[in-house]
Amino acid sequence: LHALQINRLMKRWNRTESQGNFYIKSGVGVARSDLGVFDNETGASAFTGIAVDWEDRRRFISYENRFTDIDGIDDFFQQSARIGWAPYQGDYGDLHTWIMIKTKKNSLTNTQSTYPELKFFKGPTLVKFGYSDKTEWDLHLMYRF
């Protein structure tokens, strides 16, 4: 799935030592299937879902879901949750590192997997990656503007 995604912050809870967020995430793009009878099929796709998280400078927890419709191929629902820990506390503008455990479930393939994930961010750039023997690589590159 290659998509342009737009995230809308609906609510933020700022506390003295922590922060919580509620987002609506939606996107459109193109998907190519490598599954069963739809192998090598391509279709327009759209998705929407929610994401909630809470974090302080050392701990993180989140939940996210997404419904995806891929024209001519299939529709599916997926959800994931993460818990994380920061091994150090950086100042504003520093490179920040999180060590996380992610679990996710996908209704299309009816698979669930839990695996480690590393998250790095500095300024507007974020990189996350993890690996599971069931879902293989989970890679994300994000630039916020």
N, C-alpha and C. Protein backbone atom coordinates (compact mmCIF):
# COMPACT_ATOMS: atom_id res chain seq x y z
N LEU A 1 0.84 -1.18 0.00
CA LEU A 1 0.00 0.00 0.00
C LEU A 1 0.88 1.23 0.00
N HIS A 2 0.75 2.06 -0.98
CA HIS A 2 1.45 3.34 -1.07
C HIS A 2 0.37 4.41 -0.99
N ALA A 3 0.45 5.25 0.05
CA ALA A 3 -0.64 6.18 0.28
C ALA A 3 -0.16 7.51 0.83
N LEU A 4 -0.92 8.52 0.58
CA LEU A 4 -0.74 9.82 1.20
C LEU A 4 -1.68 9.83 2.40
N GLN A 5 -1.13 10.09 3.58
CA GLN A 5 -1.92 10.03 4.81
C GLN A 5 -2.01 11.41 5.45
N ILE A 6 -3.19 11.73 5.95
CA ILE A 6 -3.41 12.97 6.69
C ILE A 6 -3.89 12.60 8.08
N ASN A 7 -3.22 13.13 9.09
CA ASN A 7 -3.60 12.91 10.48
C ASN A 7 -4.17 14.21 11.03
N ARG A 8 -5.29 14.10 11.72
CA ARG A 8 -5.93 15.27 12.32
C ARG A 8 -5.95 15.08 13.83
N LEU A 9 -5.26 15.94 14.56
CA LEU A 9 -5.29 15.91 16.01
C LEU A 9 -6.65 16.44 16.47
N MET A 10 -7.43 15.59 17.12
CA MET A 10 -8.77 15.97 17.57
C MET A 10 -8.74 16.50 19.00
N LYS A 11 -7.86 15.96 19.84
CA LYS A 11 -7.79 16.37 21.24
C LYS A 11 -6.40 16.09 21.78
N ARG A 12 -5.88 17.03 22.55
CA ARG A 12 -4.60 16.84 23.24
C ARG A 12 -4.81 17.17 24.70
N TRP A 13 -4.28 16.29 25.56
CA TRP A 13 -4.31 16.52 27.00
C TRP A 13 -2.88 16.81 27.45
N ASN A 14 -2.59 18.04 27.76
CA ASN A 14 -1.26 18.41 28.25
C ASN A 14 -1.29 18.46 29.77
N ARG A 15 -0.39 17.72 30.37
CA ARG A 15 -0.21 17.73 31.82
C ARG A 15 1.20 18.23 32.11
N THR A 16 1.50 18.48 33.34
CA THR A 16 2.82 18.97 33.70
C THR A 16 3.92 18.02 33.27
N GLU A 17 3.71 16.72 33.45
CA GLU A 17 4.75 15.73 33.16
C GLU A 17 4.39 14.72 32.07
N SER A 18 3.24 14.90 31.41
CA SER A 18 2.83 13.93 30.39
C SER A 18 1.90 14.58 29.36
N GLN A 19 1.60 13.79 28.33
CA GLN A 19 0.74 14.27 27.26
C GLN A 19 -0.06 13.11 26.69
N GLY A 20 -1.32 13.33 26.35
CA GLY A 20 -2.16 12.35 25.66
C GLY A 20 -2.69 12.96 24.38
N ASN A 21 -2.96 12.12 23.37
CA ASN A 21 -3.43 12.60 22.08
C ASN A 21 -4.50 11.67 21.52
N PHE A 22 -5.43 12.27 20.77
CA PHE A 22 -6.45 11.51 20.04
C PHE A 22 -6.45 12.03 18.60
N TYR A 23 -6.19 11.12 17.64
CA TYR A 23 -6.10 11.47 16.23
C TYR A 23 -7.13 10.72 15.41
N ILE A 24 -7.54 11.32 14.31
CA ILE A 24 -8.21 10.62 13.22
C ILE A 24 -7.22 10.60 12.07
N LYS A 25 -6.98 9.41 11.52
CA LYS A 25 -6.01 9.24 10.44
C LYS A 25 -6.73 8.70 9.21
N SER A 26 -6.49 9.32 8.07
CA SER A 26 -7.12 8.88 6.83
C SER A 26 -6.12 9.02 5.69
N GLY A 27 -6.34 8.24 4.64
CA GLY A 27 -5.45 8.32 3.51
C GLY A 27 -6.02 7.70 2.25
N VAL A 28 -5.39 8.01 1.14
CA VAL A 28 -5.75 7.45 -0.16
C VAL A 28 -4.47 7.05 -0.87
N GLY A 29 -4.57 6.05 -1.73
CA GLY A 29 -3.39 5.62 -2.47
C GLY A 29 -3.67 4.46 -3.39
N VAL A 30 -2.65 3.67 -3.63
CA VAL A 30 -2.72 2.52 -4.52
C VAL A 30 -2.15 1.31 -3.77
N ALA A 31 -2.81 0.18 -3.93
CA ALA A 31 -2.35 -1.05 -3.28
C ALA A 31 -2.14 -2.13 -4.32
N ARG A 32 -1.17 -2.99 -4.06
CA ARG A 32 -0.91 -4.15 -4.90
C ARG A 32 -0.94 -5.38 -4.02
N SER A 33 -1.69 -6.38 -4.44
CA SER A 33 -1.86 -7.59 -3.64
C SER A 33 -0.88 -8.68 -4.06
N ASP A 34 -0.45 -9.44 -3.05
CA ASP A 34 0.33 -10.65 -3.33
C ASP A 34 -0.32 -11.84 -2.63
N LEU A 35 -1.65 -11.75 -2.43
CA LEU A 35 -2.37 -12.75 -1.64
C LEU A 35 -3.35 -13.54 -2.50
N GLY A 36 -3.16 -14.83 -2.56
CA GLY A 36 -4.12 -15.77 -3.16
C GLY A 36 -4.57 -15.41 -4.56
N VAL A 37 -5.89 -15.41 -4.77
CA VAL A 37 -6.46 -15.16 -6.10
C VAL A 37 -6.23 -13.72 -6.56
N PHE A 38 -5.86 -12.84 -5.65
CA PHE A 38 -5.63 -11.44 -6.01
C PHE A 38 -4.16 -11.14 -6.25
N ASP A 39 -3.34 -12.17 -6.42
CA ASP A 39 -1.90 -11.98 -6.62
C ASP A 39 -1.66 -11.08 -7.83
N ASN A 40 -0.86 -10.05 -7.64
CA ASN A 40 -0.49 -9.05 -8.65
C ASN A 40 -1.63 -8.15 -9.09
N GLU A 41 -2.74 -8.15 -8.38
CA GLU A 41 -3.82 -7.21 -8.66
C GLU A 41 -3.48 -5.85 -8.03
N THR A 42 -3.89 -4.78 -8.67
CA THR A 42 -3.67 -3.42 -8.17
C THR A 42 -5.00 -2.70 -8.11
N GLY A 43 -5.20 -1.90 -7.06
CA GLY A 43 -6.45 -1.16 -6.93
C GLY A 43 -6.27 0.12 -6.13
N ALA A 44 -7.17 1.05 -6.36
CA ALA A 44 -7.19 2.28 -5.57
C ALA A 44 -7.58 1.91 -4.14
N SER A 45 -7.03 2.63 -3.18
CA SER A 45 -7.33 2.31 -1.79
C SER A 45 -7.61 3.57 -0.99
N ALA A 46 -8.36 3.39 0.08
CA ALA A 46 -8.64 4.46 1.03
C ALA A 46 -8.74 3.83 2.41
N PHE A 47 -8.34 4.58 3.43
CA PHE A 47 -8.43 4.06 4.79
C PHE A 47 -8.74 5.19 5.76
N THR A 48 -9.28 4.79 6.91
CA THR A 48 -9.52 5.72 8.00
C THR A 48 -9.48 4.96 9.31
N GLY A 49 -9.15 5.66 10.37
CA GLY A 49 -9.08 5.04 11.68
C GLY A 49 -8.75 6.06 12.75
N ILE A 50 -8.55 5.54 13.96
CA ILE A 50 -8.23 6.41 15.08
C ILE A 50 -6.90 5.97 15.71
N ALA A 51 -6.31 6.89 16.45
CA ALA A 51 -5.11 6.57 17.22
C ALA A 51 -5.17 7.37 18.52
N VAL A 52 -4.87 6.71 19.62
CA VAL A 52 -4.78 7.38 20.92
C VAL A 52 -3.45 6.99 21.56
N ASP A 53 -2.84 7.94 22.27
CA ASP A 53 -1.60 7.62 22.94
C ASP A 53 -1.45 8.47 24.20
N TRP A 54 -0.58 8.01 25.07
CA TRP A 54 -0.19 8.75 26.27
C TRP A 54 1.30 8.53 26.47
N GLU A 55 2.01 9.57 26.85
CA GLU A 55 3.43 9.43 27.10
C GLU A 55 3.92 10.45 28.12
N ASP A 56 4.95 10.05 28.83
CA ASP A 56 5.73 11.01 29.60
C ASP A 56 7.14 10.91 29.02
N ARG A 57 8.13 11.38 29.69
CA ARG A 57 9.47 11.40 29.11
C ARG A 57 10.14 10.03 29.08
N ARG A 58 9.56 9.04 29.76
CA ARG A 58 10.17 7.71 29.80
C ARG A 58 9.24 6.57 29.37
N ARG A 59 7.93 6.77 29.42
CA ARG A 59 6.97 5.69 29.12
C ARG A 59 6.01 6.12 28.01
N PHE A 60 5.52 5.12 27.28
CA PHE A 60 4.62 5.37 26.15
C PHE A 60 3.64 4.21 26.04
N ILE A 61 2.40 4.52 25.72
CA ILE A 61 1.39 3.49 25.45
C ILE A 61 0.46 4.03 24.36
N SER A 62 0.04 3.15 23.43
CA SER A 62 -0.84 3.62 22.36
C SER A 62 -1.73 2.49 21.85
N TYR A 63 -2.82 2.91 21.18
CA TYR A 63 -3.72 2.01 20.47
C TYR A 63 -4.08 2.68 19.16
N GLU A 64 -4.15 1.89 18.10
CA GLU A 64 -4.51 2.43 16.79
C GLU A 64 -5.33 1.40 16.04
N ASN A 65 -6.29 1.88 15.23
CA ASN A 65 -7.01 0.97 14.34
C ASN A 65 -7.20 1.62 12.99
N ARG A 66 -7.53 0.80 12.00
CA ARG A 66 -7.70 1.33 10.64
C ARG A 66 -8.55 0.37 9.83
N PHE A 67 -9.54 0.94 9.12
CA PHE A 67 -10.33 0.18 8.16
C PHE A 67 -9.83 0.59 6.78
N THR A 68 -9.48 -0.41 5.95
CA THR A 68 -8.95 -0.15 4.61
C THR A 68 -9.85 -0.79 3.57
N ASP A 69 -10.16 -0.02 2.53
CA ASP A 69 -10.93 -0.50 1.38
C ASP A 69 -10.03 -0.42 0.16
N ILE A 70 -9.79 -1.58 -0.47
CA ILE A 70 -8.98 -1.63 -1.67
C ILE A 70 -9.88 -2.07 -2.82
N ASP A 71 -10.13 -1.16 -3.74
CA ASP A 71 -11.04 -1.38 -4.85
C ASP A 71 -10.68 -2.62 -5.66
N GLY A 72 -11.63 -3.53 -5.78
CA GLY A 72 -11.45 -4.72 -6.59
C GLY A 72 -10.63 -5.82 -5.93
N ILE A 73 -10.16 -5.59 -4.71
CA ILE A 73 -9.36 -6.62 -4.05
C ILE A 73 -10.03 -7.08 -2.76
N ASP A 74 -10.07 -6.23 -1.73
CA ASP A 74 -10.66 -6.63 -0.46
C ASP A 74 -10.75 -5.44 0.48
N ASP A 75 -11.46 -5.63 1.57
CA ASP A 75 -11.53 -4.68 2.68
C ASP A 75 -10.99 -5.40 3.91
N PHE A 76 -10.38 -4.64 4.81
CA PHE A 76 -9.92 -5.29 6.03
C PHE A 76 -9.79 -4.28 7.17
N PHE A 77 -9.75 -4.82 8.37
CA PHE A 77 -9.61 -4.03 9.59
C PHE A 77 -8.34 -4.49 10.29
N GLN A 78 -7.57 -3.55 10.76
CA GLN A 78 -6.38 -3.90 11.53
C GLN A 78 -6.30 -3.01 12.76
N GLN A 79 -5.67 -3.53 13.79
CA GLN A 79 -5.49 -2.76 15.01
C GLN A 79 -4.14 -3.12 15.62
N SER A 80 -3.61 -2.16 16.38
CA SER A 80 -2.32 -2.41 17.01
C SER A 80 -2.23 -1.64 18.33
N ALA A 81 -1.35 -2.13 19.18
CA ALA A 81 -1.08 -1.47 20.46
C ALA A 81 0.42 -1.53 20.70
N ARG A 82 0.93 -0.52 21.39
CA ARG A 82 2.36 -0.45 21.71
C ARG A 82 2.55 -0.03 23.16
N ILE A 83 3.61 -0.54 23.74
CA ILE A 83 4.12 0.00 24.99
C ILE A 83 5.60 0.27 24.75
N GLY A 84 6.10 1.33 25.39
CA GLY A 84 7.49 1.67 25.13
C GLY A 84 8.17 2.33 26.31
N TRP A 85 9.48 2.36 26.20
CA TRP A 85 10.33 2.92 27.23
C TRP A 85 11.47 3.65 26.54
N ALA A 86 11.81 4.84 27.05
CA ALA A 86 12.94 5.61 26.53
C ALA A 86 14.16 5.36 27.42
N PRO A 87 15.27 4.89 26.87
CA PRO A 87 16.44 4.60 27.69
C PRO A 87 17.16 5.84 28.22
N TYR A 88 16.85 6.99 27.65
CA TYR A 88 17.43 8.25 28.13
C TYR A 88 16.44 9.38 27.85
N GLN A 89 16.59 10.49 28.53
CA GLN A 89 15.74 11.65 28.30
C GLN A 89 16.54 12.73 27.58
N GLY A 90 16.15 13.03 26.36
CA GLY A 90 16.83 14.06 25.59
C GLY A 90 16.14 15.40 25.76
N ASP A 91 16.86 16.43 25.45
CA ASP A 91 16.30 17.78 25.45
C ASP A 91 15.62 18.05 24.12
N TYR A 92 14.90 19.15 24.05
CA TYR A 92 14.24 19.56 22.81
C TYR A 92 15.29 19.69 21.71
N GLY A 93 15.05 19.09 20.56
CA GLY A 93 15.98 19.14 19.44
C GLY A 93 16.97 17.99 19.40
N ASP A 94 17.08 17.21 20.48
CA ASP A 94 17.98 16.05 20.50
C ASP A 94 17.37 14.88 19.74
N LEU A 95 18.20 13.89 19.45
CA LEU A 95 17.70 12.62 18.93
C LEU A 95 17.06 11.86 20.08
N HIS A 96 15.82 11.42 19.90
CA HIS A 96 15.10 10.66 20.92
C HIS A 96 14.96 9.22 20.45
N THR A 97 15.09 8.30 21.40
CA THR A 97 15.04 6.86 21.11
C THR A 97 14.02 6.20 22.02
N TRP A 98 13.20 5.31 21.43
CA TRP A 98 12.24 4.52 22.20
C TRP A 98 12.42 3.05 21.84
N ILE A 99 12.35 2.21 22.85
CA ILE A 99 12.33 0.75 22.67
C ILE A 99 10.91 0.31 22.97
N MET A 100 10.28 -0.36 22.01
CA MET A 100 8.85 -0.68 22.14
C MET A 100 8.57 -2.15 21.87
N ILE A 101 7.42 -2.56 22.34
CA ILE A 101 6.82 -3.85 21.98
C ILE A 101 5.50 -3.52 21.29
N LYS A 102 5.32 -4.06 20.10
CA LYS A 102 4.11 -3.80 19.33
C LYS A 102 3.37 -5.11 19.12
N THR A 103 2.06 -5.06 19.23
CA THR A 103 1.23 -6.21 18.86
C THR A 103 0.20 -5.71 17.87
N LYS A 104 -0.05 -6.50 16.83
CA LYS A 104 -1.03 -6.08 15.83
C LYS A 104 -1.80 -7.28 15.29
N LYS A 105 -3.02 -6.99 14.86
CA LYS A 105 -3.89 -8.01 14.30
C LYS A 105 -4.51 -7.48 13.03
N ASN A 106 -4.60 -8.35 12.02
CA ASN A 106 -5.11 -7.98 10.71
C ASN A 106 -6.22 -8.95 10.33
N SER A 107 -7.41 -8.43 9.98
CA SER A 107 -8.54 -9.32 9.64
C SER A 107 -8.39 -9.93 8.25
N LEU A 108 -7.60 -9.34 7.37
CA LEU A 108 -7.44 -9.87 6.02
C LEU A 108 -6.73 -11.21 6.04
N THR A 109 -5.64 -11.26 6.75
CA THR A 109 -4.87 -12.51 6.82
C THR A 109 -5.13 -13.28 8.11
N ASN A 110 -5.95 -12.71 8.98
CA ASN A 110 -6.29 -13.31 10.28
C ASN A 110 -5.03 -13.69 11.06
N THR A 111 -4.05 -12.78 11.03
CA THR A 111 -2.81 -13.02 11.77
C THR A 111 -2.66 -12.01 12.90
N GLN A 112 -2.01 -12.45 13.94
CA GLN A 112 -1.64 -11.57 15.04
C GLN A 112 -0.17 -11.79 15.32
N SER A 113 0.56 -10.71 15.53
CA SER A 113 1.97 -10.84 15.84
C SER A 113 2.38 -9.81 16.88
N THR A 114 3.37 -10.17 17.65
CA THR A 114 3.95 -9.29 18.67
C THR A 114 5.45 -9.30 18.48
N TYR A 115 6.04 -8.12 18.45
CA TYR A 115 7.47 -8.03 18.14
C TYR A 115 8.07 -6.74 18.68
N PRO A 116 9.40 -6.68 18.77
CA PRO A 116 10.06 -5.46 19.22
C PRO A 116 10.09 -4.42 18.10
N GLU A 117 10.13 -3.18 18.50
CA GLU A 117 10.17 -2.08 17.54
C GLU A 117 11.06 -0.97 18.12
N LEU A 118 11.84 -0.34 17.27
CA LEU A 118 12.66 0.80 17.66
C LEU A 118 12.12 2.05 16.98
N LYS A 119 12.09 3.15 17.72
CA LYS A 119 11.58 4.42 17.20
C LYS A 119 12.63 5.49 17.49
N PHE A 120 12.97 6.25 16.44
CA PHE A 120 13.91 7.35 16.56
C PHE A 120 13.27 8.60 15.98
N PHE A 121 13.39 9.72 16.69
CA PHE A 121 12.94 10.96 16.09
C PHE A 121 13.78 12.14 16.55
N LYS A 122 13.87 13.07 15.61
CA LYS A 122 14.58 14.32 15.86
C LYS A 122 13.87 15.38 15.04
N GLY A 123 13.41 16.42 15.72
CA GLY A 123 12.67 17.47 15.02
C GLY A 123 11.45 16.89 14.34
N PRO A 124 11.26 17.19 13.05
CA PRO A 124 10.06 16.71 12.35
C PRO A 124 10.20 15.31 11.73
N THR A 125 11.34 14.66 11.89
CA THR A 125 11.59 13.37 11.24
C THR A 125 11.49 12.22 12.25
N LEU A 126 10.75 11.19 11.86
CA LEU A 126 10.56 10.01 12.70
C LEU A 126 10.81 8.76 11.86
N VAL A 127 11.53 7.81 12.43
CA VAL A 127 11.78 6.52 11.79
C VAL A 127 11.42 5.43 12.80
N LYS A 128 10.61 4.45 12.38
CA LYS A 128 10.27 3.30 13.22
C LYS A 128 10.53 2.04 12.42
N PHE A 129 11.06 1.02 13.09
CA PHE A 129 11.18 -0.26 12.42
C PHE A 129 11.12 -1.39 13.43
N GLY A 130 10.54 -2.49 12.97
CA GLY A 130 10.42 -3.69 13.78
C GLY A 130 10.40 -4.89 12.86
N TYR A 131 10.52 -6.09 13.45
CA TYR A 131 10.53 -7.30 12.64
C TYR A 131 9.82 -8.43 13.38
N SER A 132 8.97 -9.13 12.64
CA SER A 132 8.30 -10.31 13.15
C SER A 132 8.40 -11.40 12.10
N ASP A 133 8.55 -12.66 12.52
CA ASP A 133 8.60 -13.74 11.55
C ASP A 133 7.27 -13.94 10.84
N LYS A 134 6.16 -13.42 11.41
CA LYS A 134 4.85 -13.55 10.77
C LYS A 134 4.59 -12.42 9.78
N THR A 135 5.00 -11.21 10.11
CA THR A 135 4.67 -10.07 9.25
C THR A 135 5.90 -9.48 8.57
N GLU A 136 7.06 -10.02 8.84
CA GLU A 136 8.34 -9.54 8.32
C GLU A 136 8.60 -8.10 8.76
N TRP A 137 9.17 -7.26 7.92
CA TRP A 137 9.57 -5.91 8.32
C TRP A 137 8.37 -4.98 8.43
N ASP A 138 8.40 -4.16 9.46
CA ASP A 138 7.40 -3.11 9.68
C ASP A 138 8.20 -1.80 9.72
N LEU A 139 8.19 -1.04 8.63
CA LEU A 139 9.01 0.16 8.49
C LEU A 139 8.14 1.39 8.28
N HIS A 140 8.50 2.48 8.94
CA HIS A 140 7.78 3.74 8.79
C HIS A 140 8.78 4.89 8.78
N LEU A 141 8.62 5.78 7.83
CA LEU A 141 9.37 7.02 7.78
C LEU A 141 8.35 8.14 7.72
N MET A 142 8.47 9.09 8.60
CA MET A 142 7.48 10.15 8.70
C MET A 142 8.19 11.50 8.80
N TYR A 143 7.69 12.47 8.07
CA TYR A 143 8.17 13.85 8.19
C TYR A 143 6.96 14.73 8.43
N ARG A 144 6.98 15.45 9.52
CA ARG A 144 5.83 16.29 9.89
C ARG A 144 6.09 17.72 9.51
N PHE A 145 5.11 18.32 8.84
CA PHE A 145 5.23 19.74 8.48
C PHE A 145 3.92 20.45 8.66
